[in-house]
Amino acid sequence: MKTILTILFILFTGLFAQAQENTVNVKVEVTIETVVLVTPTIESVLNAKETKVARLYMDKNYKVKKELSFATKANKSKLA
């Protein structure tokens, strides 16, 4: 009984939704704008003598992690 009522309810709501008329007219106004393209000229002088150094920094907690990951003799695996 419950399944029949749910199927009828779903069919009723589906048919009711299809019966609605969509008479919404949307008008879009078009505005034309003029665009002026300006190409800036950028002059770059390459200096062959200039050298740049890229630096790689370690994690700020590297020393703390290193100290916490210490190994003792008890941590080593023992062979029987």
PDB file of N, CA and C in Angstrom:
ATOM      1  N   MET A   1       0.826  -1.190   0.000  1.00  0.00           N
ATOM      2  CA  MET A   1       0.000   0.000   0.000  1.00  0.00           C
ATOM      3  C   MET A   1       0.877   1.264   0.000  1.00  0.00           C
ATOM      4  N   LYS A   2       1.915   1.195   0.822  1.00  0.00           N
ATOM      5  CA  LYS A   2       2.791   2.353   0.922  1.00  0.00           C
ATOM      6  C   LYS A   2       3.527   2.597  -0.399  1.00  0.00           C
ATOM      7  N   THR A   3       3.948   1.534  -1.058  1.00  0.00           N
ATOM      8  CA  THR A   3       4.670   1.696  -2.318  1.00  0.00           C
ATOM      9  C   THR A   3       3.756   2.232  -3.413  1.00  0.00           C
ATOM     10  N   ILE A   4       2.521   1.780  -3.408  1.00  0.00           N
ATOM     11  CA  ILE A   4       1.570   2.268  -4.422  1.00  0.00           C
ATOM     12  C   ILE A   4       1.320   3.755  -4.235  1.00  0.00           C
ATOM     13  N   LEU A   5       1.169   4.187  -2.972  1.00  0.00           N
ATOM     14  CA  LEU A   5       0.942   5.609  -2.703  1.00  0.00           C
ATOM     15  C   LEU A   5       2.157   6.463  -3.100  1.00  0.00           C
ATOM     16  N   THR A   6       3.351   5.964  -2.841  1.00  0.00           N
ATOM     17  CA  THR A   6       4.530   6.751  -3.217  1.00  0.00           C
ATOM     18  C   THR A   6       4.682   6.835  -4.732  1.00  0.00           C
ATOM     19  N   ILE A   7       4.386   5.744  -5.443  1.00  0.00           N
ATOM     20  CA  ILE A   7       4.463   5.779  -6.907  1.00  0.00           C
ATOM     21  C   ILE A   7       3.431   6.751  -7.465  1.00  0.00           C
ATOM     22  N   LEU A   8       2.212   6.716  -6.933  1.00  0.00           N
ATOM     23  CA  LEU A   8       1.175   7.651  -7.391  1.00  0.00           C
ATOM     24  C   LEU A   8       1.553   9.098  -7.064  1.00  0.00           C
ATOM     25  N   PHE A   9       2.137   9.316  -5.913  1.00  0.00           N
ATOM     26  CA  PHE A   9       2.547  10.667  -5.538  1.00  0.00           C
ATOM     27  C   PHE A   9       3.633  11.193  -6.484  1.00  0.00           C
ATOM     28  N   ILE A  10       4.620  10.345  -6.806  1.00  0.00           N
ATOM     29  CA  ILE A  10       5.687  10.756  -7.716  1.00  0.00           C
ATOM     30  C   ILE A  10       5.135  11.025  -9.106  1.00  0.00           C
ATOM     31  N   LEU A  11       4.235  10.172  -9.594  1.00  0.00           N
ATOM     32  CA  LEU A  11       3.628  10.389 -10.911  1.00  0.00           C
ATOM     33  C   LEU A  11       2.800  11.667 -10.921  1.00  0.00           C
ATOM     34  N   PHE A  12       2.028  11.905  -9.863  1.00  0.00           N
ATOM     35  CA  PHE A  12       1.191  13.096  -9.790  1.00  0.00           C
ATOM     36  C   PHE A  12       2.041  14.365  -9.810  1.00  0.00           C
ATOM     37  N   THR A  13       3.125  14.391  -9.015  1.00  0.00           N
ATOM     38  CA  THR A  13       3.963  15.591  -8.989  1.00  0.00           C
ATOM     39  C   THR A  13       4.698  15.777 -10.312  1.00  0.00           C
ATOM     40  N   GLY A  14       5.099  14.683 -10.980  1.00  0.00           N
ATOM     41  CA  GLY A  14       5.759  14.792 -12.271  1.00  0.00           C
ATOM     42  C   GLY A  14       4.836  15.335 -13.334  1.00  0.00           C
ATOM     43  N   LEU A  15       3.605  14.836 -13.375  1.00  0.00           N
ATOM     44  CA  LEU A  15       2.626  15.322 -14.348  1.00  0.00           C
ATOM     45  C   LEU A  15       2.229  16.769 -14.056  1.00  0.00           C
ATOM     46  N   PHE A  16       2.128  17.110 -12.791  1.00  0.00           N
ATOM     47  CA  PHE A  16       1.789  18.475 -12.421  1.00  0.00           C
ATOM     48  C   PHE A  16       2.895  19.444 -12.832  1.00  0.00           C
ATOM     49  N   ALA A  17       4.135  19.006 -12.721  1.00  0.00           N
ATOM     50  CA  ALA A  17       5.257  19.864 -13.101  1.00  0.00           C
ATOM     51  C   ALA A  17       5.314  20.047 -14.608  1.00  0.00           C
ATOM     52  N   GLN A  18       4.949  19.027 -15.377  1.00  0.00           N
ATOM     53  CA  GLN A  18       4.960  19.148 -16.835  1.00  0.00           C
ATOM     54  C   GLN A  18       3.793  19.976 -17.349  1.00  0.00           C
ATOM     55  N   ALA A  19       2.717  20.067 -16.591  1.00  0.00           N
ATOM     56  CA  ALA A  19       1.533  20.796 -17.035  1.00  0.00           C
ATOM     57  C   ALA A  19       1.708  22.307 -16.930  1.00  0.00           C
ATOM     58  N   GLN A  20       2.721  22.771 -16.221  1.00  0.00           N
ATOM     59  CA  GLN A  20       2.947  24.204 -16.069  1.00  0.00           C
ATOM     60  C   GLN A  20       3.428  24.796 -17.386  1.00  0.00           C
ATOM     61  N   GLU A  21       2.940  25.998 -17.690  1.00  0.00           N
ATOM     62  CA  GLU A  21       3.349  26.680 -18.908  1.00  0.00           C
ATOM     63  C   GLU A  21       4.506  27.630 -18.594  1.00  0.00           C
ATOM     64  N   ASN A  22       5.512  27.547 -19.409  1.00  0.00           N
ATOM     65  CA  ASN A  22       6.650  28.448 -19.265  1.00  0.00           C
ATOM     66  C   ASN A  22       6.539  29.542 -20.317  1.00  0.00           C
ATOM     67  N   THR A  23       5.908  30.637 -19.956  1.00  0.00           N
ATOM     68  CA  THR A  23       5.731  31.744 -20.893  1.00  0.00           C
ATOM     69  C   THR A  23       6.569  32.946 -20.439  1.00  0.00           C
ATOM     70  N   VAL A  24       7.775  32.699 -20.071  1.00  0.00           N
ATOM     71  CA  VAL A  24       8.661  33.776 -19.637  1.00  0.00           C
ATOM     72  C   VAL A  24       9.465  34.232 -20.842  1.00  0.00           C
ATOM     73  N   ASN A  25       9.287  35.498 -21.223  1.00  0.00           N
ATOM     74  CA  ASN A  25      10.037  36.067 -22.330  1.00  0.00           C
ATOM     75  C   ASN A  25      11.126  36.967 -21.764  1.00  0.00           C
ATOM     76  N   VAL A  26      12.327  36.625 -22.060  1.00  0.00           N
ATOM     77  CA  VAL A  26      13.454  37.402 -21.570  1.00  0.00           C
ATOM     78  C   VAL A  26      14.037  38.194 -22.726  1.00  0.00           C
ATOM     79  N   LYS A  27      14.083  39.502 -22.557  1.00  0.00           N
ATOM     80  CA  LYS A  27      14.652  40.365 -23.579  1.00  0.00           C
ATOM     81  C   LYS A  27      16.008  40.852 -23.094  1.00  0.00           C
ATOM     82  N   VAL A  28      16.983  40.752 -23.970  1.00  0.00           N
ATOM     83  CA  VAL A  28      18.344  41.149 -23.639  1.00  0.00           C
ATOM     84  C   VAL A  28      18.689  42.386 -24.450  1.00  0.00           C
ATOM     85  N   GLU A  29      19.140  43.406 -23.763  1.00  0.00           N
ATOM     86  CA  GLU A  29      19.559  44.616 -24.450  1.00  0.00           C
ATOM     87  C   GLU A  29      21.038  44.512 -24.776  1.00  0.00           C
ATOM     88  N   VAL A  30      21.376  44.836 -26.009  1.00  0.00           N
ATOM     89  CA  VAL A  30      22.757  44.741 -26.454  1.00  0.00           C
ATOM     90  C   VAL A  30      23.342  46.140 -26.501  1.00  0.00           C
ATOM     91  N   THR A  31      24.472  46.293 -25.834  1.00  0.00           N
ATOM     92  CA  THR A  31      25.170  47.574 -25.894  1.00  0.00           C
ATOM     93  C   THR A  31      26.500  47.357 -26.598  1.00  0.00           C
ATOM     94  N   ILE A  32      26.821  48.257 -27.487  1.00  0.00           N
ATOM     95  CA  ILE A  32      28.057  48.159 -28.253  1.00  0.00           C
ATOM     96  C   ILE A  32      29.040  49.176 -27.701  1.00  0.00           C
ATOM     97  N   GLU A  33      30.208  48.676 -27.326  1.00  0.00           N
ATOM     98  CA  GLU A  33      31.246  49.548 -26.801  1.00  0.00           C
ATOM     99  C   GLU A  33      32.473  49.442 -27.694  1.00  0.00           C
ATOM    100  N   THR A  34      33.128  50.574 -27.857  1.00  0.00           N
ATOM    101  CA  THR A  34      34.338  50.573 -28.677  1.00  0.00           C
ATOM    102  C   THR A  34      35.536  50.296 -27.781  1.00  0.00           C
ATOM    103  N   VAL A  35      36.441  49.506 -28.292  1.00  0.00           N
ATOM    104  CA  VAL A  35      37.626  49.130 -27.535  1.00  0.00           C
ATOM    105  C   VAL A  35      38.855  49.564 -28.320  1.00  0.00           C
ATOM    106  N   VAL A  36      39.735  50.259 -27.643  1.00  0.00           N
ATOM    107  CA  VAL A  36      40.973  50.702 -28.263  1.00  0.00           C
ATOM    108  C   VAL A  36      42.104  49.862 -27.679  1.00  0.00           C
ATOM    109  N   LEU A  37      42.820  49.167 -28.541  1.00  0.00           N
ATOM    110  CA  LEU A  37      43.921  48.336 -28.100  1.00  0.00           C
ATOM    111  C   LEU A  37      45.207  49.136 -28.101  1.00  0.00           C
ATOM    112  N   VAL A  38      45.887  49.118 -26.987  1.00  0.00           N
ATOM    113  CA  VAL A  38      47.151  49.817 -26.856  1.00  0.00           C
ATOM    114  C   VAL A  38      48.210  48.774 -26.542  1.00  0.00           C
ATOM    115  N   THR A  39      49.238  48.747 -27.363  1.00  0.00           N
ATOM    116  CA  THR A  39      50.317  47.791 -27.131  1.00  0.00           C
ATOM    117  C   THR A  39      51.510  48.542 -26.568  1.00  0.00           C
ATOM    118  N   PRO A  40      51.777  48.366 -25.288  1.00  0.00           N
ATOM    119  CA  PRO A  40      52.926  49.067 -24.707  1.00  0.00           C
ATOM    120  C   PRO A  40      54.219  48.399 -25.151  1.00  0.00           C
ATOM    121  N   THR A  41      55.195  49.219 -25.376  1.00  0.00           N
ATOM    122  CA  THR A  41      56.498  48.684 -25.776  1.00  0.00           C
ATOM    123  C   THR A  41      57.384  48.648 -24.547  1.00  0.00           C
ATOM    124  N   ILE A  42      57.810  47.465 -24.208  1.00  0.00           N
ATOM    125  CA  ILE A  42      58.671  47.282 -23.042  1.00  0.00           C
ATOM    126  C   ILE A  42      60.036  46.843 -23.545  1.00  0.00           C
ATOM    127  N   GLU A  43      61.022  47.634 -23.222  1.00  0.00           N
ATOM    128  CA  GLU A  43      62.377  47.303 -23.621  1.00  0.00           C
ATOM    129  C   GLU A  43      63.111  46.783 -22.398  1.00  0.00           C
ATOM    130  N   SER A  44      63.653  45.619 -22.537  1.00  0.00           N
ATOM    131  CA  SER A  44      64.426  45.055 -21.433  1.00  0.00           C
ATOM    132  C   SER A  44      65.849  44.810 -21.906  1.00  0.00           C
ATOM    133  N   VAL A  45      66.751  45.252 -21.111  1.00  0.00           N
ATOM    134  CA  VAL A  45      68.163  45.099 -21.445  1.00  0.00           C
ATOM    135  C   VAL A  45      68.689  43.931 -20.630  1.00  0.00           C
ATOM    136  N   LEU A  46      69.217  42.933 -21.327  1.00  0.00           N
ATOM    137  CA  LEU A  46      69.758  41.771 -20.643  1.00  0.00           C
ATOM    138  C   LEU A  46      71.220  42.018 -20.317  1.00  0.00           C
ATOM    139  N   ASN A  47      71.550  41.829 -19.071  1.00  0.00           N
ATOM    140  CA  ASN A  47      72.921  42.009 -18.641  1.00  0.00           C
ATOM    141  C   ASN A  47      73.541  40.617 -18.525  1.00  0.00           C
ATOM    142  N   ALA A  48      74.507  40.304 -19.367  1.00  0.00           N
ATOM    143  CA  ALA A  48      75.114  38.985 -19.395  1.00  0.00           C
ATOM    144  C   ALA A  48      75.999  38.741 -18.177  1.00  0.00           C
ATOM    145  N   LYS A  49      76.456  39.795 -17.543  1.00  0.00           N
ATOM    146  CA  LYS A  49      77.355  39.641 -16.402  1.00  0.00           C
ATOM    147  C   LYS A  49      76.597  39.398 -15.099  1.00  0.00           C
ATOM    148  N   GLU A  50      75.341  39.651 -15.101  1.00  0.00           N
ATOM    149  CA  GLU A  50      74.563  39.509 -13.875  1.00  0.00           C
ATOM    150  C   GLU A  50      74.238  38.033 -13.626  1.00  0.00           C
ATOM    151  N   THR A  51      74.521  37.574 -12.442  1.00  0.00           N
ATOM    152  CA  THR A  51      74.206  36.194 -12.079  1.00  0.00           C
ATOM    153  C   THR A  51      73.216  36.206 -10.922  1.00  0.00           C
ATOM    154  N   LYS A  52      72.226  35.339 -10.992  1.00  0.00           N
ATOM    155  CA  LYS A  52      71.228  35.243  -9.938  1.00  0.00           C
ATOM    156  C   LYS A  52      71.355  33.879  -9.279  1.00  0.00           C
ATOM    157  N   VAL A  53      71.122  33.856  -7.988  1.00  0.00           N
ATOM    158  CA  VAL A  53      71.246  32.629  -7.223  1.00  0.00           C
ATOM    159  C   VAL A  53      69.861  32.251  -6.701  1.00  0.00           C
ATOM    160  N   ALA A  54      69.470  31.036  -6.983  1.00  0.00           N
ATOM    161  CA  ALA A  54      68.215  30.536  -6.439  1.00  0.00           C
ATOM    162  C   ALA A  54      68.540  29.801  -5.148  1.00  0.00           C
ATOM    163  N   ARG A  55      67.799  30.108  -4.098  1.00  0.00           N
ATOM    164  CA  ARG A  55      68.084  29.512  -2.802  1.00  0.00           C
ATOM    165  C   ARG A  55      66.964  28.563  -2.414  1.00  0.00           C
ATOM    166  N   LEU A  56      67.350  27.463  -1.836  1.00  0.00           N
ATOM    167  CA  LEU A  56      66.400  26.473  -1.377  1.00  0.00           C
ATOM    168  C   LEU A  56      66.489  26.413   0.138  1.00  0.00           C
ATOM    169  N   TYR A  57      65.400  26.754   0.784  1.00  0.00           N
ATOM    170  CA  TYR A  57      65.387  26.767   2.237  1.00  0.00           C
ATOM    171  C   TYR A  57      64.756  25.478   2.747  1.00  0.00           C
ATOM    172  N   MET A  58      65.351  24.951   3.824  1.00  0.00           N
ATOM    173  CA  MET A  58      64.792  23.749   4.430  1.00  0.00           C
ATOM    174  C   MET A  58      63.525  24.105   5.200  1.00  0.00           C
ATOM    175  N   ASP A  59      62.784  23.080   5.535  1.00  0.00           N
ATOM    176  CA  ASP A  59      61.579  23.264   6.329  1.00  0.00           C
ATOM    177  C   ASP A  59      61.949  23.906   7.664  1.00  0.00           C
ATOM    178  N   LYS A  60      61.113  24.794   8.171  1.00  0.00           N
ATOM    179  CA  LYS A  60      61.454  25.508   9.399  1.00  0.00           C
ATOM    180  C   LYS A  60      61.490  24.575  10.611  1.00  0.00           C
ATOM    181  N   ASN A  61      60.815  23.440  10.538  1.00  0.00           N
ATOM    182  CA  ASN A  61      60.815  22.494  11.648  1.00  0.00           C
ATOM    183  C   ASN A  61      61.770  21.329  11.405  1.00  0.00           C
ATOM    184  N   TYR A  62      62.713  21.505  10.509  1.00  0.00           N
ATOM    185  CA  TYR A  62      63.602  20.403  10.143  1.00  0.00           C
ATOM    186  C   TYR A  62      64.427  19.922  11.338  1.00  0.00           C
ATOM    187  N   LYS A  63      64.982  20.844  12.110  1.00  0.00           N
ATOM    188  CA  LYS A  63      65.818  20.453  13.246  1.00  0.00           C
ATOM    189  C   LYS A  63      65.003  19.749  14.317  1.00  0.00           C
ATOM    190  N   VAL A  64      63.781  20.191  14.534  1.00  0.00           N
ATOM    191  CA  VAL A  64      62.927  19.556  15.529  1.00  0.00           C
ATOM    192  C   VAL A  64      62.579  18.147  15.094  1.00  0.00           C
ATOM    193  N   LYS A  65      62.227  17.976  13.827  1.00  0.00           N
ATOM    194  CA  LYS A  65      61.896  16.644  13.330  1.00  0.00           C
ATOM    195  C   LYS A  65      63.095  15.717  13.385  1.00  0.00           C
ATOM    196  N   LYS A  66      64.285  16.262  13.125  1.00  0.00           N
ATOM    197  CA  LYS A  66      65.497  15.456  13.153  1.00  0.00           C
ATOM    198  C   LYS A  66      65.787  14.984  14.574  1.00  0.00           C
ATOM    199  N   GLU A  67      65.616  15.865  15.544  1.00  0.00           N
ATOM    200  CA  GLU A  67      65.880  15.502  16.927  1.00  0.00           C
ATOM    201  C   GLU A  67      64.851  14.507  17.452  1.00  0.00           C
ATOM    202  N   LEU A  68      63.616  14.602  16.997  1.00  0.00           N
ATOM    203  CA  LEU A  68      62.580  13.680  17.476  1.00  0.00           C
ATOM    204  C   LEU A  68      62.674  12.306  16.833  1.00  0.00           C
ATOM    205  N   SER A  69      63.394  12.194  15.730  1.00  0.00           N
ATOM    206  CA  SER A  69      63.489  10.915  15.047  1.00  0.00           C
ATOM    207  C   SER A  69      64.802  10.197  15.360  1.00  0.00           C
ATOM    208  N   PHE A  70      65.260  10.300  16.597  1.00  0.00           N
ATOM    209  CA  PHE A  70      66.516   9.648  16.960  1.00  0.00           C
ATOM    210  C   PHE A  70      66.293   8.142  17.088  1.00  0.00           C
ATOM    211  N   ALA A  71      67.356   7.405  16.948  1.00  0.00           N
ATOM    212  CA  ALA A  71      67.295   5.945  17.043  1.00  0.00           C
ATOM    213  C   ALA A  71      68.214   5.477  18.161  1.00  0.00           C
ATOM    214  N   THR A  72      67.729   4.541  18.943  1.00  0.00           N
ATOM    215  CA  THR A  72      68.531   3.984  20.022  1.00  0.00           C
ATOM    216  C   THR A  72      68.873   2.535  19.703  1.00  0.00           C
ATOM    217  N   LYS A  73      69.671   1.922  20.572  1.00  0.00           N
ATOM    218  CA  LYS A  73      70.025   0.529  20.365  1.00  0.00           C
ATOM    219  C   LYS A  73      68.807  -0.379  20.527  1.00  0.00           C
ATOM    220  N   ALA A  74      67.839   0.025  21.344  1.00  0.00           N
ATOM    221  CA  ALA A  74      66.642  -0.776  21.569  1.00  0.00           C
ATOM    222  C   ALA A  74      65.750  -0.789  20.333  1.00  0.00           C
ATOM    223  N   ASN A  75      65.889   0.190  19.452  1.00  0.00           N
ATOM    224  CA  ASN A  75      65.055   0.260  18.260  1.00  0.00           C
ATOM    225  C   ASN A  75      65.518  -0.689  17.160  1.00  0.00           C
ATOM    226  N   LYS A  76      66.773  -1.170  17.265  1.00  0.00           N
ATOM    227  CA  LYS A  76      67.320  -2.026  16.210  1.00  0.00           C
ATOM    228  C   LYS A  76      66.678  -3.402  16.272  1.00  0.00           C
ATOM    229  N   SER A  77      66.509  -4.004  15.123  1.00  0.00           N
ATOM    230  CA  SER A  77      65.936  -5.353  15.090  1.00  0.00           C
ATOM    231  C   SER A  77      66.972  -6.372  15.534  1.00  0.00           C
ATOM    232  N   LYS A  78      66.517  -7.398  16.229  1.00  0.00           N
ATOM    233  CA  LYS A  78      67.417  -8.410  16.761  1.00  0.00           C
ATOM    234  C   LYS A  78      67.230  -9.693  15.982  1.00  0.00           C
ATOM    235  N   LEU A  79      68.326 -10.330  15.682  1.00  0.00           N
ATOM    236  CA  LEU A  79      68.282 -11.622  15.008  1.00  0.00           C
ATOM    237  C   LEU A  79      68.348 -12.727  16.061  1.00  0.00           C
ATOM    238  N   ALA A  80      67.555 -13.760  15.886  1.00  0.00           N
ATOM    239  CA  ALA A  80      67.537 -14.854  16.855  1.00  0.00           C
ATOM    240  C   ALA A  80      68.651 -15.824  16.627  1.00  0.00           C
TER     241      ALA A  80
END
